[in-house]
Amino acid sequence: MFNTVIEVILGLLLLFLAYKAIDSKELIKSVMYLSAVSMLSVVGFALMQAPDVAVTEAVIGSGMVTALFVFTLLSRKGVKR
């Protein structure tokens, strides 16, 4: 029962943050919302007892992809057009 409530709350939070990532007007906020979605999916994978997938998502999805997006946005701001 308790696990089901957590899964429903997690799913609703994932949907809300995914909507905010799409709807945000500032790119850096979209990247942060996307990172939060990725971290919450790590929690979801851990609840589903898939620790290998959770660790992979944490390293690649939350870490590397977020860093790549942030560095891309930072380098884009430095270019004069």
C-alpha atoms as a PDB file:
ATOM      1  CA  MET A   1       0.000   0.000   0.000  1.00  0.00           C
ATOM      2  CA  PHE A   2       2.699   2.478   1.036  1.00  0.00           C
ATOM      3  CA  ASN A   3       4.840   1.590  -1.976  1.00  0.00           C
ATOM      4  CA  THR A   4       1.910   2.207  -4.334  1.00  0.00           C
ATOM      5  CA  VAL A   5       1.311   5.675  -2.880  1.00  0.00           C
ATOM      6  CA  ILE A   6       4.983   6.550  -3.376  1.00  0.00           C
ATOM      7  CA  GLU A   7       4.861   5.296  -6.974  1.00  0.00           C
ATOM      8  CA  VAL A   8       1.788   7.406  -7.764  1.00  0.00           C
ATOM      9  CA  ILE A   9       3.336  10.523  -6.207  1.00  0.00           C
ATOM     10  CA  LEU A  10       6.575   9.852  -8.090  1.00  0.00           C
ATOM     11  CA  GLY A  11       4.706   9.442 -11.379  1.00  0.00           C
ATOM     12  CA  LEU A  12       2.763  12.660 -10.906  1.00  0.00           C
ATOM     13  CA  LEU A  13       5.941  14.529  -9.993  1.00  0.00           C
ATOM     14  CA  LEU A  14       7.655  13.144 -13.101  1.00  0.00           C
ATOM     15  CA  LEU A  15       4.793  14.309 -15.293  1.00  0.00           C
ATOM     16  CA  PHE A  16       4.764  17.758 -13.687  1.00  0.00           C
ATOM     17  CA  LEU A  17       8.519  18.269 -14.060  1.00  0.00           C
ATOM     18  CA  ALA A  18       8.483  16.989 -17.642  1.00  0.00           C
ATOM     19  CA  TYR A  19       5.744  19.501 -18.461  1.00  0.00           C
ATOM     20  CA  LYS A  20       7.744  22.284 -16.794  1.00  0.00           C
ATOM     21  CA  ALA A  21      10.824  21.302 -18.822  1.00  0.00           C
ATOM     22  CA  ILE A  22       8.864  21.599 -22.048  1.00  0.00           C
ATOM     23  CA  ASP A  23       6.973  24.744 -21.052  1.00  0.00           C
ATOM     24  CA  SER A  24       9.897  26.736 -19.612  1.00  0.00           C
ATOM     25  CA  LYS A  25      10.988  29.738 -21.659  1.00  0.00           C
ATOM     26  CA  GLU A  26      14.567  29.796 -20.338  1.00  0.00           C
ATOM     27  CA  LEU A  27      16.820  27.026 -21.623  1.00  0.00           C
ATOM     28  CA  ILE A  28      18.811  26.648 -18.400  1.00  0.00           C
ATOM     29  CA  LYS A  29      15.600  26.093 -16.423  1.00  0.00           C
ATOM     30  CA  SER A  30      14.535  23.463 -18.945  1.00  0.00           C
ATOM     31  CA  VAL A  31      17.849  21.682 -18.463  1.00  0.00           C
ATOM     32  CA  MET A  32      17.448  21.739 -14.681  1.00  0.00           C
ATOM     33  CA  TYR A  33      13.901  20.378 -14.907  1.00  0.00           C
ATOM     34  CA  LEU A  34      15.146  17.659 -17.241  1.00  0.00           C
ATOM     35  CA  SER A  35      17.861  16.797 -14.734  1.00  0.00           C
ATOM     36  CA  ALA A  36      15.251  16.568 -11.986  1.00  0.00           C
ATOM     37  CA  VAL A  37      13.169  14.230 -14.158  1.00  0.00           C
ATOM     38  CA  SER A  38      16.214  12.058 -14.653  1.00  0.00           C
ATOM     39  CA  MET A  39      16.957  11.938 -10.925  1.00  0.00           C
ATOM     40  CA  LEU A  40      13.365  11.032 -10.122  1.00  0.00           C
ATOM     41  CA  SER A  41      13.530   8.254 -12.684  1.00  0.00           C
ATOM     42  CA  VAL A  42      16.553   6.958 -10.771  1.00  0.00           C
ATOM     43  CA  VAL A  43      14.338   6.736  -7.691  1.00  0.00           C
ATOM     44  CA  GLY A  44      11.688   4.961  -9.747  1.00  0.00           C
ATOM     45  CA  PHE A  45      14.186   2.404 -11.028  1.00  0.00           C
ATOM     46  CA  ALA A  46      15.417   1.820  -7.492  1.00  0.00           C
ATOM     47  CA  LEU A  47      11.826   1.243  -6.328  1.00  0.00           C
ATOM     48  CA  MET A  48      11.399  -1.281  -9.138  1.00  0.00           C
ATOM     49  CA  GLN A  49      14.489  -3.078  -7.794  1.00  0.00           C
ATOM     50  CA  ALA A  50      16.640  -2.369 -10.830  1.00  0.00           C
ATOM     51  CA  PRO A  51      19.790  -0.928  -9.233  1.00  0.00           C
ATOM     52  CA  ASP A  52      21.974  -1.400 -12.315  1.00  0.00           C
ATOM     53  CA  VAL A  53      19.593   0.642 -14.463  1.00  0.00           C
ATOM     54  CA  ALA A  54      19.276   3.246 -11.683  1.00  0.00           C
ATOM     55  CA  VAL A  55      23.046   3.704 -11.443  1.00  0.00           C
ATOM     56  CA  THR A  56      23.373   3.928 -15.222  1.00  0.00           C
ATOM     57  CA  GLU A  57      20.613   6.541 -15.392  1.00  0.00           C
ATOM     58  CA  ALA A  58      22.202   8.503 -12.550  1.00  0.00           C
ATOM     59  CA  VAL A  59      25.623   8.582 -14.188  1.00  0.00           C
ATOM     60  CA  ILE A  60      24.623   9.086 -17.816  1.00  0.00           C
ATOM     61  CA  GLY A  61      21.185  10.699 -17.666  1.00  0.00           C
ATOM     62  CA  SER A  62      21.589  12.967 -14.689  1.00  0.00           C
ATOM     63  CA  GLY A  63      25.310  13.559 -14.750  1.00  0.00           C
ATOM     64  CA  MET A  64      26.777  13.512 -18.210  1.00  0.00           C
ATOM     65  CA  VAL A  65      23.785  14.709 -20.222  1.00  0.00           C
ATOM     66  CA  THR A  66      23.061  17.568 -17.817  1.00  0.00           C
ATOM     67  CA  ALA A  67      26.709  18.617 -17.843  1.00  0.00           C
ATOM     68  CA  LEU A  68      26.762  18.480 -21.649  1.00  0.00           C
ATOM     69  CA  PHE A  69      23.636  20.645 -21.898  1.00  0.00           C
ATOM     70  CA  VAL A  70      24.929  23.175 -19.356  1.00  0.00           C
ATOM     71  CA  PHE A  71      28.350  23.459 -21.009  1.00  0.00           C
ATOM     72  CA  THR A  72      26.671  23.850 -24.397  1.00  0.00           C
ATOM     73  CA  LEU A  73      24.473  26.654 -23.089  1.00  0.00           C
ATOM     74  CA  LEU A  74      27.424  28.371 -21.433  1.00  0.00           C
ATOM     75  CA  SER A  75      29.533  28.210 -24.586  1.00  0.00           C
ATOM     76  CA  ARG A  76      26.607  29.482 -26.652  1.00  0.00           C
ATOM     77  CA  LYS A  77      26.309  32.590 -24.469  1.00  0.00           C
ATOM     78  CA  GLY A  78      29.944  33.441 -25.112  1.00  0.00           C
ATOM     79  CA  VAL A  79      29.513  33.598 -28.889  1.00  0.00           C
ATOM     80  CA  LYS A  80      28.784  37.057 -30.284  1.00  0.00           C
ATOM     81  CA  ARG A  81      26.316  37.178 -33.148  1.00  0.00           C
END
